Amino acid sequence: MITDQNLWASLPVPTLLIGPDDLIADSNPAAELFLNLSAKSLLGASIWDKVMIDAPIEDPYARAIKDRTPLFVNDVDVGSGERPPMQCNVQFSPLQGSERQFLMMISPREIATRMTQNATTSRAAKSAIGMAEMLAHEIKNPLAGITGAAQLLSMGLDAQDLEMTDLIVEESRRIVKLLEQVEQFGNQRPPMCSPVNIHDLLDRARQSASVGFGAHMNFVEDYDPSLPQTFVDGDQMLQVFLNLLKNASEASKQGGTIRLRTFYDPSLRLRRKEGPPARLPLQIEIIDDGPGLPPDIATHVFDPFVSGKENGTGLGLALVSKLLVDNGGSISVDSIPGRTVFRVALPLVPKGTPNFDPAGEL
């Protein structure tokens, strides 16, 4: 039989119990994760000191207390001193059987937005597959001939004319490289999923980045060592992390910082066509201190051929999103000048999988 305390701890929505004088009487684990604050620091503190709501809410809340009526506040930024604000819906409801206690429930809009965004991006990526395969096939063959002809011509040319043939070869190879990126959208091979330690993949990606494209960056690791394994294609997920680190490295200046953070969030569920919603509790954040995403592309950054870089192809993040959808995960981004956060959410290892460790499931 489930006790009240078990029920309270199992609620996936961040929830706080507010007592007299607007003091926090209790918090569930989802609220502690959302606010990035411990239960000890929340207990007994004023709700308005710990939860920052970007709306004039104190007077309406006082009236709700007086009249013992629910209060609903939609589409407001909610945060704390320990985490950036996120657009949420907030509900206050009187606790039945108590004269002065209210429940405060915080529903992050990010979750619904993330699911819609991933579904839309997946459809956009699939619609580009046919065109990508056709173009890649039709263009790569003539380019190989152009490159070979330019190299043959260069054998009998002087230094001045060699610059032109070298340019032809260089640009042809650049286009071939671009087409190879496009072709990755046509790869219909299903992921070869197996239990994977996410920190091992992050370490491999960080090491590759630190000696290559990210050599000018400082890397900071903020890992939760208790995270259980995820169930993904390790090679594809390594590519995801390398692409995200490359994107962060290119966005930041010399000596910038990239923070790799992992944590557990039980509130995220992915609705599927069949069966119950899938849990995506394993969270990986890649945070950079660059200038942020241009506002005009921020909501479409995972769509194919959308890029904020001067010479960007708009394929890197689209491929990241496609690979994550194929592996049963999701990705979202929160960007302001000086702080851009790409958050990847991944599933747990299904029960009954070989080498599955029940003790590792939180």
Protein backbone atom coordinates (compact mmCIF):
# COMPACT_ATOMS: atom_id res chain seq x y z
CA MET A 1 0.00 0.00 0.00
CA ILE A 2 1.36 3.42 -1.00
CA THR A 3 1.73 5.83 1.89
CA ASP A 4 1.17 9.58 1.59
CA GLN A 5 4.91 10.18 1.76
CA ASN A 6 5.55 7.73 -1.06
CA LEU A 7 2.86 9.41 -3.14
CA TRP A 8 4.38 12.84 -2.45
CA ALA A 9 7.86 11.67 -3.43
CA SER A 10 6.55 10.02 -6.61
CA LEU A 11 4.91 13.14 -8.07
CA PRO A 12 6.75 13.98 -11.31
CA VAL A 13 5.68 17.64 -11.20
CA PRO A 14 7.74 20.03 -9.02
CA THR A 15 5.48 20.65 -6.00
CA LEU A 16 5.88 22.70 -2.83
CA LEU A 17 3.70 22.77 0.29
CA ILE A 18 3.26 26.34 1.51
CA GLY A 19 2.28 26.93 5.12
CA PRO A 20 1.36 30.04 7.14
CA ASP A 21 3.28 33.26 6.46
CA ASP A 22 4.13 31.90 2.99
CA LEU A 23 6.81 29.60 4.41
CA ILE A 24 7.74 26.37 2.65
CA ALA A 25 6.59 23.41 4.73
CA ASP A 26 7.70 20.63 2.38
CA SER A 27 9.08 19.95 -1.10
CA ASN A 28 9.07 16.87 -3.29
CA PRO A 29 12.20 15.56 -5.07
CA ALA A 30 11.03 16.94 -8.44
CA ALA A 31 10.90 20.46 -6.96
CA GLU A 32 14.39 20.11 -5.49
CA LEU A 33 15.73 19.04 -8.90
CA PHE A 34 13.89 21.80 -10.75
CA LEU A 35 15.05 24.55 -8.37
CA ASN A 36 18.49 22.98 -7.87
CA LEU A 37 18.01 23.43 -4.13
CA SER A 38 18.07 20.88 -1.29
CA ALA A 39 15.06 20.14 0.90
CA LYS A 40 17.02 21.48 3.87
CA SER A 41 17.56 24.87 2.23
CA LEU A 42 13.90 25.10 1.20
CA LEU A 43 12.25 24.06 4.45
CA GLY A 44 11.09 27.07 6.49
CA ALA A 45 12.15 29.64 3.87
CA SER A 46 9.79 32.16 2.32
CA ILE A 47 8.39 30.89 -0.97
CA TRP A 48 9.13 34.29 -2.56
CA ASP A 49 12.80 34.09 -1.53
CA LYS A 50 13.36 30.68 -3.11
CA VAL A 51 11.07 30.70 -6.14
CA MET A 52 11.44 33.61 -8.54
CA ILE A 53 8.31 34.16 -10.64
CA ASP A 54 8.43 36.90 -13.25
CA ALA A 55 4.89 38.12 -12.58
CA PRO A 56 3.07 40.20 -9.90
CA ILE A 57 1.72 37.16 -8.10
CA GLU A 58 1.84 37.90 -4.36
CA ASP A 59 -1.43 39.88 -4.20
CA PRO A 60 -3.44 37.35 -6.26
CA TYR A 61 -2.00 34.60 -4.07
CA ALA A 62 -3.10 36.45 -0.93
CA ARG A 63 -6.64 36.67 -2.32
CA ALA A 64 -6.59 32.97 -3.18
CA ILE A 65 -5.63 32.18 0.42
CA LYS A 66 -8.39 34.39 1.75
CA ASP A 67 -11.04 32.87 -0.52
CA ARG A 68 -9.63 29.32 -0.43
CA THR A 69 -9.70 29.18 -4.23
CA PRO A 70 -7.18 27.82 -6.75
CA LEU A 71 -4.90 30.21 -8.65
CA PHE A 72 -3.54 29.55 -12.13
CA VAL A 73 -0.68 31.50 -13.72
CA ASN A 74 0.36 30.50 -17.23
CA ASP A 75 3.42 31.21 -19.37
CA VAL A 76 5.62 32.86 -16.74
CA ASP A 77 9.37 32.55 -16.19
CA VAL A 78 10.14 30.57 -13.03
CA GLY A 79 13.58 29.96 -11.56
CA SER A 80 15.72 30.24 -8.45
CA GLY A 81 19.07 31.69 -7.57
CA GLU A 82 20.61 28.34 -8.51
CA ARG A 83 19.18 27.86 -12.00
CA PRO A 84 18.14 30.05 -14.95
CA PRO A 85 14.43 30.81 -15.41
CA MET A 86 12.23 28.58 -17.53
CA GLN A 87 8.77 29.27 -18.90
CA CYS A 88 6.21 27.40 -16.81
CA ASN A 89 2.59 27.14 -15.83
CA VAL A 90 2.12 27.56 -12.06
CA GLN A 91 -0.88 26.35 -10.06
CA PHE A 92 -1.77 27.06 -6.44
CA SER A 93 -4.43 24.90 -4.80
CA PRO A 94 -5.69 24.77 -1.20
CA LEU A 95 -4.75 21.55 0.58
CA GLN A 96 -7.89 19.67 1.54
CA GLY A 97 -8.23 19.20 5.31
CA SER A 98 -5.95 22.15 6.10
CA GLU A 99 -7.09 25.72 6.67
CA ARG A 100 -3.88 27.53 5.79
CA GLN A 101 -1.76 25.26 3.59
CA PHE A 102 -1.52 25.49 -0.18
CA LEU A 103 0.11 23.33 -2.83
CA MET A 104 2.23 25.06 -5.46
CA MET A 105 2.72 22.99 -8.63
CA ILE A 106 5.19 24.08 -11.30
CA SER A 107 4.74 22.65 -14.80
CA PRO A 108 7.72 23.48 -17.05
CA ARG A 109 6.60 24.33 -20.57
CA GLU A 110 10.01 23.09 -21.74
CA ILE A 111 8.84 19.48 -21.60
CA ALA A 112 5.87 19.95 -23.90
CA THR A 113 7.85 22.29 -26.15
CA ARG A 114 10.72 19.82 -26.33
CA MET A 115 8.47 16.95 -27.36
CA THR A 116 6.74 19.01 -30.05
CA GLN A 117 10.05 20.37 -31.27
CA ASN A 118 11.63 16.92 -31.55
CA ALA A 119 8.63 15.48 -33.37
CA THR A 120 8.61 18.39 -35.82
CA THR A 121 12.35 18.19 -36.38
CA SER A 122 12.15 14.46 -36.98
CA ARG A 123 9.52 14.97 -39.68
CA ALA A 124 11.58 17.77 -41.26
CA ALA A 125 14.69 15.59 -41.27
CA LYS A 126 12.85 12.69 -42.88
CA SER A 127 11.39 14.95 -45.58
CA ALA A 128 14.93 16.05 -46.45
CA ILE A 129 16.24 12.49 -46.78
CA GLY A 130 14.96 11.80 -50.29
CA MET A 131 16.26 15.10 -51.63
CA ALA A 132 19.59 14.67 -49.85
CA GLU A 133 20.23 11.20 -51.27
CA MET A 134 19.31 12.25 -54.80
CA LEU A 135 21.46 15.40 -54.74
CA ALA A 136 24.43 13.66 -53.15
CA HIS A 137 24.42 10.91 -55.76
CA GLU A 138 23.96 13.25 -58.73
CA ILE A 139 26.57 15.81 -57.62
CA LYS A 140 29.38 13.69 -56.16
CA ASN A 141 30.10 11.76 -59.37
CA PRO A 142 30.67 14.85 -61.57
CA LEU A 143 32.70 16.46 -58.79
CA ALA A 144 35.10 13.52 -58.79
CA GLY A 145 35.63 14.07 -62.52
CA ILE A 146 36.12 17.82 -62.07
CA THR A 147 38.68 17.25 -59.33
CA GLY A 148 40.61 14.70 -61.42
CA ALA A 149 40.61 16.97 -64.47
CA ALA A 150 41.89 19.93 -62.44
CA GLN A 151 44.71 17.81 -61.03
CA LEU A 152 45.72 16.68 -64.53
CA LEU A 153 45.67 20.25 -65.81
CA SER A 154 47.87 21.41 -62.95
CA MET A 155 50.76 19.26 -64.17
CA GLY A 156 51.56 21.58 -67.06
CA LEU A 157 50.78 24.97 -65.53
CA ASP A 158 52.94 27.70 -64.07
CA ALA A 159 52.65 28.89 -60.45
CA GLN A 160 50.09 31.62 -61.19
CA ASP A 161 47.71 29.31 -63.02
CA LEU A 162 48.22 26.61 -60.38
CA GLU A 163 46.35 28.82 -57.92
CA MET A 164 43.19 28.45 -60.02
CA THR A 165 43.38 24.66 -60.32
CA ASP A 166 44.18 24.37 -56.62
CA LEU A 167 41.08 26.45 -55.92
CA ILE A 168 38.97 24.12 -58.07
CA VAL A 169 40.28 21.06 -56.21
CA GLU A 170 39.86 22.66 -52.78
CA GLU A 171 36.29 23.82 -53.44
CA SER A 172 35.33 20.47 -54.96
CA ARG A 173 36.56 18.65 -51.88
CA ARG A 174 34.67 21.08 -49.64
CA ILE A 175 31.44 20.37 -51.52
CA VAL A 176 32.03 16.61 -51.31
CA LYS A 177 32.49 16.93 -47.56
CA LEU A 178 29.21 18.85 -47.34
CA LEU A 179 27.43 16.20 -49.39
CA GLU A 180 28.76 13.49 -47.10
CA GLN A 181 27.15 15.34 -44.19
CA VAL A 182 23.88 15.53 -46.10
CA GLU A 183 24.05 11.81 -46.89
CA GLN A 184 24.03 10.99 -43.20
CA PHE A 185 20.34 11.93 -43.17
CA GLY A 186 19.74 9.08 -45.58
CA ASN A 187 21.29 6.51 -43.27
CA GLN A 188 18.31 4.38 -42.27
CA ARG A 189 20.33 1.87 -40.25
CA PRO A 190 18.56 1.35 -36.92
CA PRO A 191 20.62 2.15 -33.82
CA MET A 192 22.58 -0.75 -32.32
CA CYS A 193 21.50 -0.03 -28.75
CA SER A 194 23.17 -1.54 -25.71
CA PRO A 195 23.79 -0.52 -22.06
CA VAL A 196 26.24 2.38 -22.08
CA ASN A 197 27.93 4.44 -19.36
CA ILE A 198 27.18 8.00 -20.43
CA HIS A 199 30.22 9.40 -18.63
CA ASP A 200 32.55 7.17 -20.66
CA LEU A 201 31.13 8.65 -23.87
CA LEU A 202 31.39 12.20 -22.54
CA ASP A 203 35.01 11.65 -21.53
CA ARG A 204 35.90 10.31 -24.98
CA ALA A 205 34.20 13.26 -26.66
CA ARG A 206 35.90 15.75 -24.32
CA GLN A 207 39.33 14.23 -24.89
CA SER A 208 38.89 14.36 -28.67
CA ALA A 209 37.68 17.95 -28.50
CA SER A 210 40.46 19.12 -26.17
CA VAL A 211 43.21 18.06 -28.60
CA GLY A 212 41.37 19.20 -31.72
CA PHE A 213 38.67 21.76 -32.43
CA GLY A 214 38.28 22.61 -28.72
CA ALA A 215 41.95 23.02 -27.84
CA HIS A 216 41.33 26.71 -27.06
CA MET A 217 38.53 25.92 -24.57
CA ASN A 218 38.46 25.11 -20.87
CA PHE A 219 36.37 22.05 -20.02
CA VAL A 220 34.62 21.68 -16.65
CA GLU A 221 33.02 18.40 -15.60
CA ASP A 222 30.04 18.39 -13.25
CA TYR A 223 28.97 14.76 -13.23
CA ASP A 224 26.52 12.86 -11.07
CA PRO A 225 28.51 9.64 -10.50
CA SER A 226 25.39 7.76 -9.37
CA LEU A 227 23.70 7.89 -12.79
CA PRO A 228 22.73 4.46 -14.11
CA GLN A 229 23.53 3.34 -17.64
CA THR A 230 21.56 4.47 -20.65
CA PHE A 231 20.41 2.33 -23.59
CA VAL A 232 21.67 3.83 -26.85
CA ASP A 233 23.95 3.26 -29.82
CA GLY A 234 27.31 4.26 -28.35
CA ASP A 235 28.87 5.29 -31.68
CA GLN A 236 25.90 7.47 -32.63
CA MET A 237 25.78 9.08 -29.19
CA LEU A 238 29.50 9.83 -29.34
CA GLN A 239 28.84 11.62 -32.62
CA VAL A 240 26.05 13.60 -30.92
CA PHE A 241 28.36 14.79 -28.14
CA LEU A 242 31.21 15.60 -30.54
CA ASN A 243 28.85 17.71 -32.68
CA LEU A 244 27.55 19.57 -29.62
CA LEU A 245 31.06 20.20 -28.29
CA LYS A 246 32.20 21.42 -31.71
CA ASN A 247 29.23 23.76 -31.87
CA ALA A 248 30.02 25.12 -28.39
CA SER A 249 33.73 25.51 -29.21
CA GLU A 250 33.00 27.46 -32.36
CA ALA A 251 30.55 29.72 -30.53
CA SER A 252 32.96 30.70 -27.74
CA LYS A 253 36.01 32.93 -27.82
CA GLN A 254 39.57 31.97 -27.01
CA GLY A 255 39.73 30.74 -23.42
CA GLY A 256 35.99 30.20 -23.11
CA THR A 257 34.52 27.53 -20.87
CA ILE A 258 32.40 24.50 -21.73
CA ARG A 259 30.67 22.84 -18.80
CA LEU A 260 29.57 19.21 -19.04
CA ARG A 261 26.83 18.47 -16.50
CA THR A 262 24.87 15.28 -15.84
CA PHE A 263 21.97 14.75 -13.46
CA TYR A 264 18.81 12.71 -12.92
CA ASP A 265 15.35 14.20 -13.58
CA PRO A 266 12.44 11.79 -13.13
CA SER A 267 9.82 14.24 -14.46
CA LEU A 268 10.42 13.85 -18.21
CA ARG A 269 8.26 11.38 -20.13
CA LEU A 270 8.16 10.86 -23.90
CA ARG A 271 4.74 9.95 -25.28
CA ARG A 272 4.86 7.08 -27.76
CA LYS A 273 2.40 5.86 -30.41
CA GLU A 274 2.02 2.59 -28.54
CA GLY A 275 2.46 1.65 -24.91
CA PRO A 276 3.05 3.83 -21.87
CA PRO A 277 5.15 7.03 -22.02
CA ALA A 278 8.89 6.42 -22.10
CA ARG A 279 10.99 7.75 -19.23
CA LEU A 280 13.93 9.99 -20.15
CA PRO A 281 15.46 10.74 -16.77
CA LEU A 282 19.17 10.85 -17.70
CA GLN A 283 20.07 14.47 -18.40
CA ILE A 284 23.25 15.75 -20.05
CA GLU A 285 23.86 19.48 -20.41
CA ILE A 286 26.56 21.06 -22.56
CA ILE A 287 26.89 24.70 -21.50
CA ASP A 288 29.02 27.35 -23.20
CA ASP A 289 29.63 31.03 -22.45
CA GLY A 290 29.42 32.23 -26.06
CA PRO A 291 27.21 35.02 -27.43
CA GLY A 292 24.10 32.84 -27.63
CA LEU A 293 21.90 31.85 -30.56
CA PRO A 294 20.52 34.56 -32.87
CA PRO A 295 16.90 35.17 -31.79
CA ASP A 296 15.57 34.65 -35.32
CA ILE A 297 16.76 31.02 -35.46
CA ALA A 298 16.58 30.01 -31.80
CA THR A 299 13.28 28.13 -32.20
CA HIS A 300 14.34 26.42 -35.46
CA VAL A 301 17.96 25.59 -34.70
CA PHE A 302 17.37 21.82 -35.04
CA ASP A 303 15.75 22.12 -38.47
CA PRO A 304 17.86 21.07 -41.48
CA PHE A 305 19.78 23.88 -43.21
CA VAL A 306 19.24 26.41 -40.41
CA SER A 307 22.50 27.93 -39.14
CA GLY A 308 23.67 31.04 -37.30
CA LYS A 309 27.26 30.67 -38.54
CA GLU A 310 28.59 32.65 -41.46
CA ASN A 311 29.64 29.54 -43.39
CA GLY A 312 27.49 27.02 -41.55
CA THR A 313 25.66 24.24 -43.36
CA GLY A 314 22.81 23.94 -40.88
CA LEU A 315 23.25 20.17 -40.76
CA GLY A 316 25.17 19.52 -37.53
CA LEU A 317 22.37 20.17 -35.03
CA ALA A 318 19.73 18.69 -37.34
CA LEU A 319 21.74 15.47 -37.44
CA VAL A 320 22.12 15.56 -33.65
CA SER A 321 18.34 15.80 -33.27
CA LYS A 322 17.73 12.98 -35.76
CA LEU A 323 20.17 10.64 -34.02
CA LEU A 324 18.62 11.35 -30.63
CA VAL A 325 15.10 10.72 -31.91
CA ASP A 326 16.31 7.45 -33.49
CA ASN A 327 17.77 6.45 -30.09
CA GLY A 328 14.59 7.30 -28.17
CA GLY A 329 15.98 10.50 -26.64
CA SER A 330 15.36 14.20 -27.02
CA ILE A 331 17.22 17.51 -27.11
CA SER A 332 16.35 21.11 -26.22
CA VAL A 333 18.22 24.39 -26.05
CA ASP A 334 18.01 27.42 -23.78
CA SER A 335 20.10 30.36 -24.94
CA ILE A 336 20.81 33.87 -23.69
CA PRO A 337 23.92 35.99 -24.34
CA GLY A 338 26.76 34.48 -22.32
CA ARG A 339 25.04 31.16 -21.62
CA THR A 340 23.76 28.54 -24.05
CA VAL A 341 22.58 25.18 -22.70
CA PHE A 342 21.94 22.15 -24.90
CA ARG A 343 20.17 19.51 -22.83
CA VAL A 344 20.04 15.89 -23.96
CA ALA A 345 17.58 13.50 -22.29
CA LEU A 346 18.18 9.75 -22.57
CA PRO A 347 16.35 6.59 -21.49
CA LEU A 348 17.29 4.00 -18.89
CA VAL A 349 18.24 0.43 -19.77
CA PRO A 350 15.00 -1.56 -20.17
CA LYS A 351 14.38 -4.26 -17.60
CA GLY A 352 15.23 -7.70 -18.88
CA THR A 353 18.10 -6.45 -21.05
CA PRO A 354 21.24 -8.65 -20.79
CA ASN A 355 23.65 -7.18 -18.24
CA PHE A 356 20.79 -5.13 -16.78
CA ASP A 357 21.51 -4.20 -13.16
CA PRO A 358 18.28 -3.53 -11.19
CA ALA A 359 20.33 -1.82 -8.47
CA GLY A 360 21.42 0.78 -11.02
CA GLU A 361 17.90 1.97 -11.76
CA LEU A 362 16.95 4.97 -9.63
